[in-house]
Amino acid sequence: MLKAVPGTNDIFAQAKEYPFREPVFRYIVSTAEEVLRGAGAQMVYTPIFEYLEVFQKGVGLTSDIVVKKEMFVFEDRGGRLLALRPEPTASIVRAYNEHGMKVWPQPVRLFTWGPIFRGERQQKGRYKQFHQVDYEALGLSDPLLDAEAIALMVRIYKTLGLKHLEVKLGSVGDPEDRLRYNQYLRELFGPYAKDLSEDSRVRVEANPMRILDSKSERDQALIAELQPKPMLAFLGPAAQKFHQQVCNYLDRLGVAYTVDPNLVRGLDYYVRTAWEVHHAGIGAKSALGGGGRYDGLSEMLGGPPVPGVGFGIGIERLAIALEQEGVALPADPCPTLYLAPLDEAAKIEVLALAEQLRPKVNVEIGYTPKSPRKALEEALKKGARYVGFIGEDERARGVVTLKHLETGEQRALEPLQLHSLFEGPEIK
């Protein structure tokens, strides 16, 4: 029997593992949509694959996604290389440019959700196909947008019911700040290259900031020994002022945060503000999501200068955090009425009646005739409030035998009486 590819998962209501239960996904996505639409953001859906150049240029040639060949790349019939999206921001910026959104009132604030694909080693909350909620604010370089994005991200988590959150705020400076910092790190790590992991030995020249974000124990041991200066110590005056304004705005908004001077980002397009939101319940790699500013990304994609800031929320990792905190989710919708045919001739009768009632109430039907006892068992399994029986006797009298499953009350109702009952406020 064929099975799903390792690192991918089926998501459905009765899934045994909590991150893959469809009601949890629906709760997360609907809550995020409510928060973001309430702030004036618009939904956008971009293709799940793009020309490879969109992501190569978008995430940067020194990012792990490119260096470690984590993208799923394939060739179309015309010989062009395409890739499944490893992150959503580059696609949204591409769409902003392609559809002339620069002439809209700025900033343009967009959000989406959907699958992300990375060929990385599977671990808790990280899969080859996972899912993200993503928010982007494009067209304005103002620290107010950074603070708003962080506040919106935190509000999504709190609206979902999470309490044990920590916002870590940092800055990766302007490009010239990063050049100076990378040169400092090259000089610091260069003499110890042989002591680094294989990945980080490559990063010494290509992108030494990434060494600080390494998951390798030997790399972290060397970092602890050398104690490199933080990125914040290399910020120029403009980036310092911008960072301080973000802090001031968050203080005014009452959003708690911790300044993390060592915070770095895995993608090359980030500038200035960077942040992560952590939750201890999902283990050592506790980031639920993160974000930052990327004022140079549009130009990397061949477009005009377009400043932007945004965040991504990992749905699977967030689901784990909800489970860890014991957040009570809304009950999965159950049928109000389960209509059961007692003989073959009643099958079309229950379907016809269900179709008449469904605009008013949630109705499910039995598709094969069953005894009243078996039909009652099935209605209870589905969580229905009422079960209705139609058989030879009911057809002869033009009624439905309706039973209230909580009280046990049973009565025969004509179709008009049934319609009136389910139009009543006590049923809603």
Protein backbone atom coordinates (compact mmCIF):
# COMPACT_ATOMS: atom_id res chain seq x y z
CA MET A 1 0.00 0.00 0.00
CA LEU A 2 1.42 3.38 -1.01
CA LYS A 3 1.99 5.90 1.76
CA ALA A 4 2.64 9.66 2.02
CA VAL A 5 6.16 10.94 1.38
CA PRO A 6 8.11 11.23 4.67
CA GLY A 7 7.98 14.81 5.89
CA THR A 8 4.48 15.37 4.50
CA ASN A 9 1.23 14.88 6.38
CA ASP A 10 -2.47 14.37 5.81
CA ILE A 11 -4.59 16.91 7.68
CA PHE A 12 -8.10 15.80 8.70
CA ALA A 13 -10.54 16.03 11.58
CA GLN A 14 -9.81 12.71 13.28
CA ALA A 15 -6.01 12.82 12.91
CA LYS A 16 -4.38 11.36 16.02
CA GLU A 17 -1.46 13.81 16.10
CA TYR A 18 -2.53 17.25 17.25
CA PRO A 19 -0.63 19.36 14.67
CA PHE A 20 -2.45 17.64 11.81
CA ARG A 21 -6.04 17.97 13.01
CA GLU A 22 -8.05 19.98 10.48
CA PRO A 23 -10.14 21.81 13.12
CA VAL A 24 -6.90 23.16 14.64
CA PHE A 25 -5.74 24.43 11.24
CA ARG A 26 -9.12 26.01 10.61
CA TYR A 27 -9.10 27.72 14.02
CA ILE A 28 -5.60 29.14 13.48
CA VAL A 29 -6.26 30.37 9.94
CA SER A 30 -9.70 31.84 10.70
CA THR A 31 -8.34 33.65 13.78
CA ALA A 32 -5.40 35.08 11.85
CA GLU A 33 -7.71 36.17 9.04
CA GLU A 34 -10.07 37.87 11.50
CA VAL A 35 -7.19 39.79 13.13
CA LEU A 36 -5.52 40.80 9.86
CA ARG A 37 -8.70 41.72 7.98
CA GLY A 38 -9.74 43.71 11.04
CA ALA A 39 -6.53 45.72 10.62
CA GLY A 40 -7.27 46.43 6.95
CA ALA A 41 -5.01 43.81 5.33
CA GLN A 42 -6.18 42.11 2.12
CA MET A 43 -5.97 38.41 1.28
CA VAL A 44 -3.74 37.39 -1.63
CA TYR A 45 -3.13 33.92 -3.06
CA THR A 46 0.04 33.42 -5.07
CA PRO A 47 0.99 30.25 -6.99
CA ILE A 48 2.73 27.56 -4.98
CA PHE A 49 5.47 27.46 -7.64
CA GLU A 50 7.41 30.22 -9.35
CA TYR A 51 10.33 30.52 -11.74
CA LEU A 52 13.41 29.41 -9.83
CA GLU A 53 14.97 32.88 -10.15
CA VAL A 54 12.25 34.39 -7.95
CA PHE A 55 13.44 32.36 -4.98
CA GLN A 56 17.15 32.29 -5.84
CA LYS A 57 17.24 36.06 -6.04
CA GLY A 58 14.67 36.50 -3.29
CA VAL A 59 16.22 34.40 -0.54
CA GLY A 60 19.84 35.01 -1.60
CA LEU A 61 22.48 32.67 -2.95
CA THR A 62 24.11 32.27 0.48
CA SER A 63 20.97 31.18 2.32
CA ASP A 64 20.60 27.56 3.44
CA ILE A 65 17.62 27.21 1.13
CA VAL A 66 19.96 27.64 -1.86
CA VAL A 67 23.29 26.44 -0.48
CA LYS A 68 21.88 23.24 0.96
CA LYS A 69 19.65 22.75 -2.09
CA GLU A 70 16.52 22.66 0.07
CA MET A 71 14.23 23.82 -2.76
CA PHE A 72 12.15 21.36 -4.76
CA VAL A 73 13.16 22.29 -8.32
CA PHE A 74 11.70 20.87 -11.53
CA GLU A 75 11.68 21.67 -15.24
CA ASP A 76 8.57 22.67 -17.17
CA ARG A 77 7.85 21.54 -20.74
CA GLY A 78 9.65 24.57 -22.11
CA GLY A 79 12.83 23.77 -20.21
CA ARG A 80 12.45 26.58 -17.66
CA LEU A 81 13.36 25.74 -14.08
CA LEU A 82 10.52 26.13 -11.57
CA ALA A 83 10.50 25.69 -7.79
CA LEU A 84 7.88 25.00 -5.15
CA ARG A 85 7.83 28.00 -2.84
CA PRO A 86 10.26 27.69 0.09
CA GLU A 87 8.91 30.94 1.59
CA PRO A 88 6.06 33.28 0.60
CA THR A 89 7.55 36.79 0.79
CA ALA A 90 9.35 36.77 -2.56
CA SER A 91 6.14 35.64 -4.31
CA ILE A 92 4.11 38.43 -2.71
CA VAL A 93 6.68 41.09 -3.65
CA ARG A 94 6.75 39.69 -7.19
CA ALA A 95 2.94 39.97 -7.33
CA TYR A 96 3.07 43.53 -5.94
CA ASN A 97 5.41 44.56 -8.76
CA GLU A 98 3.74 42.58 -11.53
CA HIS A 99 0.26 43.95 -10.85
CA GLY A 100 1.26 47.58 -10.40
CA MET A 101 0.35 47.83 -6.73
CA LYS A 102 2.85 50.69 -6.37
CA VAL A 103 0.13 53.07 -7.63
CA TRP A 104 -2.29 51.94 -4.89
CA PRO A 105 -2.47 53.91 -1.65
CA GLN A 106 0.66 52.95 0.28
CA PRO A 107 1.41 50.89 2.27
CA VAL A 108 -0.24 47.90 0.64
CA ARG A 109 -0.85 45.31 3.35
CA LEU A 110 -1.38 41.74 2.20
CA PHE A 111 -1.70 38.37 3.89
CA THR A 112 -2.00 34.76 2.82
CA TRP A 113 -1.72 31.24 4.10
CA GLY A 114 -0.77 27.96 2.53
CA PRO A 115 1.86 25.24 2.07
CA ILE A 116 5.62 25.85 2.06
CA PHE A 117 8.13 23.32 0.73
CA ARG A 118 11.68 22.71 1.95
CA GLY A 119 13.77 19.59 1.58
CA GLU A 120 15.21 19.82 5.09
CA ARG A 121 15.69 17.23 7.81
CA GLN A 122 12.41 16.49 9.53
CA GLN A 123 12.09 17.45 13.20
CA LYS A 124 9.32 18.43 15.59
CA GLY A 125 7.24 21.13 13.92
CA ARG A 126 9.38 21.14 10.74
CA TYR A 127 8.43 19.15 7.68
CA LYS A 128 9.15 18.97 3.95
CA GLN A 129 5.69 20.41 3.41
CA PHE A 130 4.46 22.67 6.18
CA HIS A 131 2.08 25.62 6.36
CA GLN A 132 2.35 29.31 7.17
CA VAL A 133 0.24 32.36 7.72
CA ASP A 134 2.10 35.28 6.15
CA TYR A 135 1.62 39.06 6.42
CA GLU A 136 3.45 41.75 4.41
CA ALA A 137 3.24 45.58 4.45
CA LEU A 138 4.77 47.05 1.29
CA GLY A 139 5.56 50.52 0.04
CA LEU A 140 6.58 52.46 3.16
CA SER A 141 9.80 52.52 5.17
CA ASP A 142 8.53 53.61 8.57
CA PRO A 143 9.27 51.99 11.96
CA LEU A 144 5.57 52.37 12.76
CA LEU A 145 4.83 49.56 10.28
CA ASP A 146 7.40 47.32 11.96
CA ALA A 147 5.80 47.91 15.36
CA GLU A 148 2.32 47.32 13.95
CA ALA A 149 3.42 44.04 12.34
CA ILE A 150 4.86 42.80 15.65
CA ALA A 151 1.71 43.88 17.51
CA LEU A 152 -0.53 42.11 14.99
CA MET A 153 1.55 38.93 15.21
CA VAL A 154 1.34 38.93 19.01
CA ARG A 155 -2.40 39.65 18.87
CA ILE A 156 -2.96 36.59 16.66
CA TYR A 157 -1.20 34.40 19.21
CA LYS A 158 -3.06 35.91 22.16
CA THR A 159 -6.44 35.74 20.40
CA LEU A 160 -5.78 32.03 19.82
CA GLY A 161 -5.30 31.67 23.58
CA LEU A 162 -1.51 31.51 24.02
CA LYS A 163 -0.04 33.19 27.09
CA HIS A 164 3.58 32.08 27.52
CA LEU A 165 5.12 34.16 24.72
CA GLU A 166 8.41 35.99 24.38
CA VAL A 167 9.11 38.51 21.63
CA LYS A 168 12.81 38.74 20.79
CA LEU A 169 13.66 41.94 18.92
CA GLY A 170 16.86 42.75 17.10
CA SER A 171 18.26 44.54 14.07
CA VAL A 172 20.48 43.31 11.22
CA GLY A 173 21.30 46.90 10.25
CA ASP A 174 21.70 48.39 6.82
CA PRO A 175 23.70 46.61 4.06
CA GLU A 176 26.85 48.59 4.87
CA ASP A 177 26.49 47.65 8.56
CA ARG A 178 26.27 44.01 7.63
CA LEU A 179 29.35 44.30 5.42
CA ARG A 180 31.35 45.63 8.37
CA TYR A 181 29.96 43.00 10.71
CA ASN A 182 30.61 40.16 8.27
CA GLN A 183 34.21 41.33 7.83
CA TYR A 184 34.64 41.38 11.61
CA LEU A 185 33.25 37.82 11.84
CA ARG A 186 35.52 36.58 9.03
CA GLU A 187 38.53 37.86 10.90
CA LEU A 188 37.23 36.34 14.14
CA PHE A 189 36.27 32.89 12.85
CA GLY A 190 38.87 32.57 10.06
CA PRO A 191 41.70 31.19 12.25
CA TYR A 192 39.27 28.64 13.75
CA ALA A 193 37.65 27.46 10.49
CA LYS A 194 38.85 23.89 11.01
CA ASP A 195 36.89 23.77 14.29
CA LEU A 196 33.60 24.73 12.63
CA SER A 197 31.01 22.40 11.14
CA GLU A 198 31.18 21.71 7.43
CA ASP A 199 28.30 24.10 6.72
CA SER A 200 29.84 26.92 8.75
CA ARG A 201 33.26 26.54 7.13
CA VAL A 202 31.55 27.56 3.88
CA ARG A 203 29.77 30.43 5.66
CA VAL A 204 33.04 32.01 6.88
CA GLU A 205 33.50 33.55 3.43
CA ALA A 206 29.98 33.49 2.01
CA ASN A 207 27.86 34.73 4.95
CA PRO A 208 29.54 34.53 8.38
CA MET A 209 26.49 36.00 10.16
CA ARG A 210 24.81 32.65 9.55
CA ILE A 211 27.39 30.94 11.78
CA LEU A 212 25.78 32.65 14.77
CA ASP A 213 22.48 30.97 13.88
CA SER A 214 24.03 27.52 13.44
CA LYS A 215 22.34 24.55 15.12
CA SER A 216 25.67 22.66 15.30
CA GLU A 217 26.86 22.00 18.86
CA ARG A 218 30.52 22.41 17.84
CA ASP A 219 29.73 25.78 16.26
CA GLN A 220 27.86 26.94 19.34
CA ALA A 221 30.73 25.80 21.57
CA LEU A 222 33.19 27.88 19.52
CA ILE A 223 30.84 30.88 19.59
CA ALA A 224 30.65 30.61 23.39
CA GLU A 225 34.45 30.54 23.55
CA LEU A 226 35.08 33.45 21.16
CA GLN A 227 32.13 35.55 22.34
CA PRO A 228 31.72 37.65 19.17
CA LYS A 229 30.34 41.17 19.46
CA PRO A 230 26.63 41.40 18.60
CA MET A 231 25.23 42.83 15.39
CA LEU A 232 23.68 45.71 17.35
CA ALA A 233 27.20 46.98 18.15
CA PHE A 234 27.79 47.57 14.41
CA LEU A 235 24.63 49.51 13.58
CA GLY A 236 25.11 52.85 11.83
CA PRO A 237 23.30 55.97 13.08
CA ALA A 238 20.31 55.53 10.74
CA ALA A 239 19.73 51.88 11.69
CA GLN A 240 20.24 52.69 15.39
CA LYS A 241 17.61 55.43 15.24
CA PHE A 242 15.19 53.18 13.36
CA HIS A 243 15.63 50.38 15.93
CA GLN A 244 15.06 52.75 18.83
CA GLN A 245 11.88 54.09 17.22
CA VAL A 246 10.53 50.54 16.87
CA CYS A 247 11.27 49.98 20.57
CA ASN A 248 9.54 53.24 21.50
CA TYR A 249 6.44 52.38 19.49
CA LEU A 250 6.22 48.88 21.04
CA ASP A 251 6.52 50.43 24.50
CA ARG A 252 3.67 52.79 23.65
CA LEU A 253 1.56 49.89 22.37
CA GLY A 254 2.23 47.85 25.50
CA VAL A 255 3.83 44.97 23.58
CA ALA A 256 6.38 43.24 25.81
CA TYR A 257 9.69 42.32 24.14
CA THR A 258 13.31 41.51 24.89
CA VAL A 259 16.10 43.05 22.83
CA ASP A 260 18.25 40.19 21.53
CA PRO A 261 21.54 41.69 20.26
CA ASN A 262 22.53 38.39 18.60
CA LEU A 263 19.36 37.87 16.57
CA VAL A 264 20.15 37.11 12.91
CA ARG A 265 17.96 36.08 10.00
CA GLY A 266 18.36 33.13 7.66
CA LEU A 267 17.43 34.93 4.45
CA ASP A 268 19.65 37.50 2.75
CA TYR A 269 16.97 40.11 2.05
CA TYR A 270 16.47 41.30 5.63
CA VAL A 271 17.56 44.79 6.75
CA ARG A 272 17.09 46.62 10.03
CA THR A 273 14.25 45.17 12.13
CA ALA A 274 14.22 41.44 12.84
CA TRP A 275 12.17 39.60 15.44
CA GLU A 276 11.02 36.19 16.60
CA VAL A 277 8.19 35.06 18.85
CA HIS A 278 9.10 32.13 21.09
CA HIS A 279 7.12 29.62 23.13
CA ALA A 280 8.82 27.24 25.56
CA GLY A 281 6.19 24.54 25.03
CA ILE A 282 7.58 23.41 21.67
CA GLY A 283 11.08 22.63 22.89
CA ALA A 284 14.56 24.05 22.43
CA LYS A 285 13.84 25.33 18.92
CA SER A 286 11.02 27.39 20.35
CA ALA A 287 10.36 29.99 17.62
CA LEU A 288 6.69 29.97 16.63
CA GLY A 289 7.37 32.49 13.88
CA GLY A 290 9.35 35.53 12.99
CA GLY A 291 9.61 38.52 10.75
CA GLY A 292 11.58 41.50 9.67
CA ARG A 293 12.17 44.32 7.23
CA TYR A 294 13.37 43.70 3.66
CA ASP A 295 13.69 47.05 1.87
CA GLY A 296 15.96 45.68 -0.89
CA LEU A 297 14.00 42.59 -1.91
CA SER A 298 12.02 44.19 -4.75
CA GLU A 299 15.22 45.33 -6.47
CA MET A 300 16.70 41.84 -6.11
CA LEU A 301 13.69 40.63 -8.12
CA GLY A 302 14.27 43.21 -10.86
CA GLY A 303 11.64 45.64 -9.65
CA PRO A 304 11.76 49.23 -8.39
CA PRO A 305 12.77 50.07 -4.81
CA VAL A 306 9.89 48.94 -2.58
CA PRO A 307 10.35 48.88 1.20
CA GLY A 308 8.57 46.14 3.08
CA VAL A 309 8.15 44.42 6.41
CA GLY A 310 6.29 41.27 7.35
CA PHE A 311 6.11 38.04 9.29
CA GLY A 312 5.43 34.34 8.94
CA ILE A 313 3.65 32.08 11.45
CA GLY A 314 4.27 28.32 11.27
CA ILE A 315 0.89 26.64 11.64
CA GLU A 316 2.16 23.21 12.72
CA ARG A 317 4.46 24.66 15.37
CA LEU A 318 1.67 26.92 16.58
CA ALA A 319 -0.66 23.91 16.86
CA ILE A 320 1.91 22.18 19.09
CA ALA A 321 2.07 25.27 21.31
CA LEU A 322 -1.74 25.36 21.61
CA GLU A 323 -1.69 21.73 22.71
CA GLN A 324 1.10 22.38 25.22
CA GLU A 325 -0.87 25.20 26.84
CA GLY A 326 -4.05 23.17 26.84
CA VAL A 327 -5.97 25.77 24.85
CA ALA A 328 -9.59 24.69 24.46
CA LEU A 329 -10.55 24.87 20.80
CA PRO A 330 -14.07 25.53 19.52
CA ALA A 331 -16.01 22.30 19.13
CA ASP A 332 -16.04 20.82 15.66
CA PRO A 333 -19.47 21.44 14.07
CA CYS A 334 -21.84 18.54 14.58
CA PRO A 335 -25.10 17.94 12.76
CA THR A 336 -28.14 19.37 14.45
CA LEU A 337 -30.28 16.72 12.78
CA TYR A 338 -29.43 13.25 11.53
CA LEU A 339 -32.12 11.85 9.18
CA ALA A 340 -32.19 8.06 8.97
CA PRO A 341 -33.96 5.98 6.29
CA LEU A 342 -35.49 2.79 7.69
CA ASP A 343 -36.06 1.18 4.29
CA GLU A 344 -34.86 1.54 0.69
CA ALA A 345 -37.76 3.75 -0.42
CA ALA A 346 -36.98 6.27 2.36
CA LYS A 347 -33.47 7.06 1.07
CA ILE A 348 -34.64 9.70 -1.41
CA GLU A 349 -37.18 10.99 1.10
CA VAL A 350 -34.51 11.80 3.71
CA LEU A 351 -32.27 13.43 1.10
CA ALA A 352 -35.11 15.58 -0.26
CA LEU A 353 -36.07 16.68 3.25
CA ALA A 354 -32.44 17.37 4.16
CA GLU A 355 -32.02 19.59 1.11
CA GLN A 356 -35.07 21.61 2.13
CA LEU A 357 -33.78 22.08 5.70
CA ARG A 358 -30.07 22.65 4.99
CA PRO A 359 -30.26 26.38 4.34
CA LYS A 360 -31.53 26.70 7.93
CA VAL A 361 -29.70 23.97 9.85
CA ASN A 362 -26.85 21.46 9.65
CA VAL A 363 -28.38 18.17 8.47
CA GLU A 364 -26.67 14.86 7.75
CA ILE A 365 -28.35 11.75 6.41
CA GLY A 366 -27.92 8.02 6.46
CA TYR A 367 -27.20 6.61 3.03
CA THR A 368 -28.22 3.02 3.71
CA PRO A 369 -31.32 1.79 5.53
CA LYS A 370 -30.75 0.81 9.17
CA SER A 371 -32.82 -0.31 12.10
CA PRO A 372 -33.87 2.48 14.51
CA ARG A 373 -31.34 1.20 17.07
CA LYS A 374 -28.42 1.25 14.59
CA ALA A 375 -29.49 4.67 13.26
CA LEU A 376 -29.63 6.00 16.81
CA GLU A 377 -26.07 4.73 17.48
CA GLU A 378 -24.80 6.44 14.33
CA ALA A 379 -26.51 9.73 15.24
CA LEU A 380 -24.87 9.63 18.67
CA LYS A 381 -21.42 8.98 17.14
CA LYS A 382 -21.88 12.04 14.92
CA GLY A 383 -22.85 14.20 17.90
CA ALA A 384 -26.27 15.09 16.51
CA ARG A 385 -28.86 16.81 18.71
CA TYR A 386 -31.83 15.18 16.96
CA VAL A 387 -32.40 12.03 14.96
CA GLY A 388 -35.29 11.75 12.53
CA PHE A 389 -36.64 8.40 11.25
CA ILE A 390 -38.51 7.84 7.99
CA GLY A 391 -39.85 4.40 7.17
CA GLU A 392 -42.98 2.80 5.73
CA ASP A 393 -45.19 3.92 8.64
CA GLU A 394 -43.89 7.53 8.51
CA ARG A 395 -44.47 7.70 4.73
CA ALA A 396 -48.04 6.45 5.14
CA ARG A 397 -48.79 9.16 7.74
CA GLY A 398 -46.71 11.91 6.05
CA VAL A 399 -44.56 12.52 9.14
CA VAL A 400 -41.04 12.21 10.50
CA THR A 401 -40.42 10.54 13.86
CA LEU A 402 -38.12 12.99 15.64
CA LYS A 403 -36.16 12.12 18.77
CA HIS A 404 -34.27 14.62 20.95
CA LEU A 405 -31.09 12.76 21.87
CA GLU A 406 -30.44 14.61 25.14
CA THR A 407 -33.92 14.45 26.67
CA GLY A 408 -35.18 11.29 24.92
CA GLU A 409 -38.41 13.09 23.92
CA GLN A 410 -39.89 11.59 20.75
CA ARG A 411 -42.74 12.87 18.60
CA ALA A 412 -44.15 12.63 15.07
CA LEU A 413 -43.97 15.87 13.08
CA GLU A 414 -45.26 16.84 9.67
CA PRO A 415 -42.71 18.50 7.34
CA LEU A 416 -44.14 22.00 7.96
CA GLN A 417 -43.89 21.47 11.71
CA LEU A 418 -40.28 20.29 11.26
CA HIS A 419 -39.46 23.43 9.26
CA SER A 420 -41.01 25.62 11.99
CA LEU A 421 -39.05 23.82 14.70
CA PHE A 422 -35.69 24.32 13.00
CA GLU A 423 -36.44 27.96 12.24
CA GLY A 424 -36.87 28.61 15.97
CA PRO A 425 -34.19 30.50 17.95
CA GLU A 426 -33.68 27.62 20.40
CA ILE A 427 -32.26 25.47 17.59
CA LYS A 428 -29.62 27.94 16.36
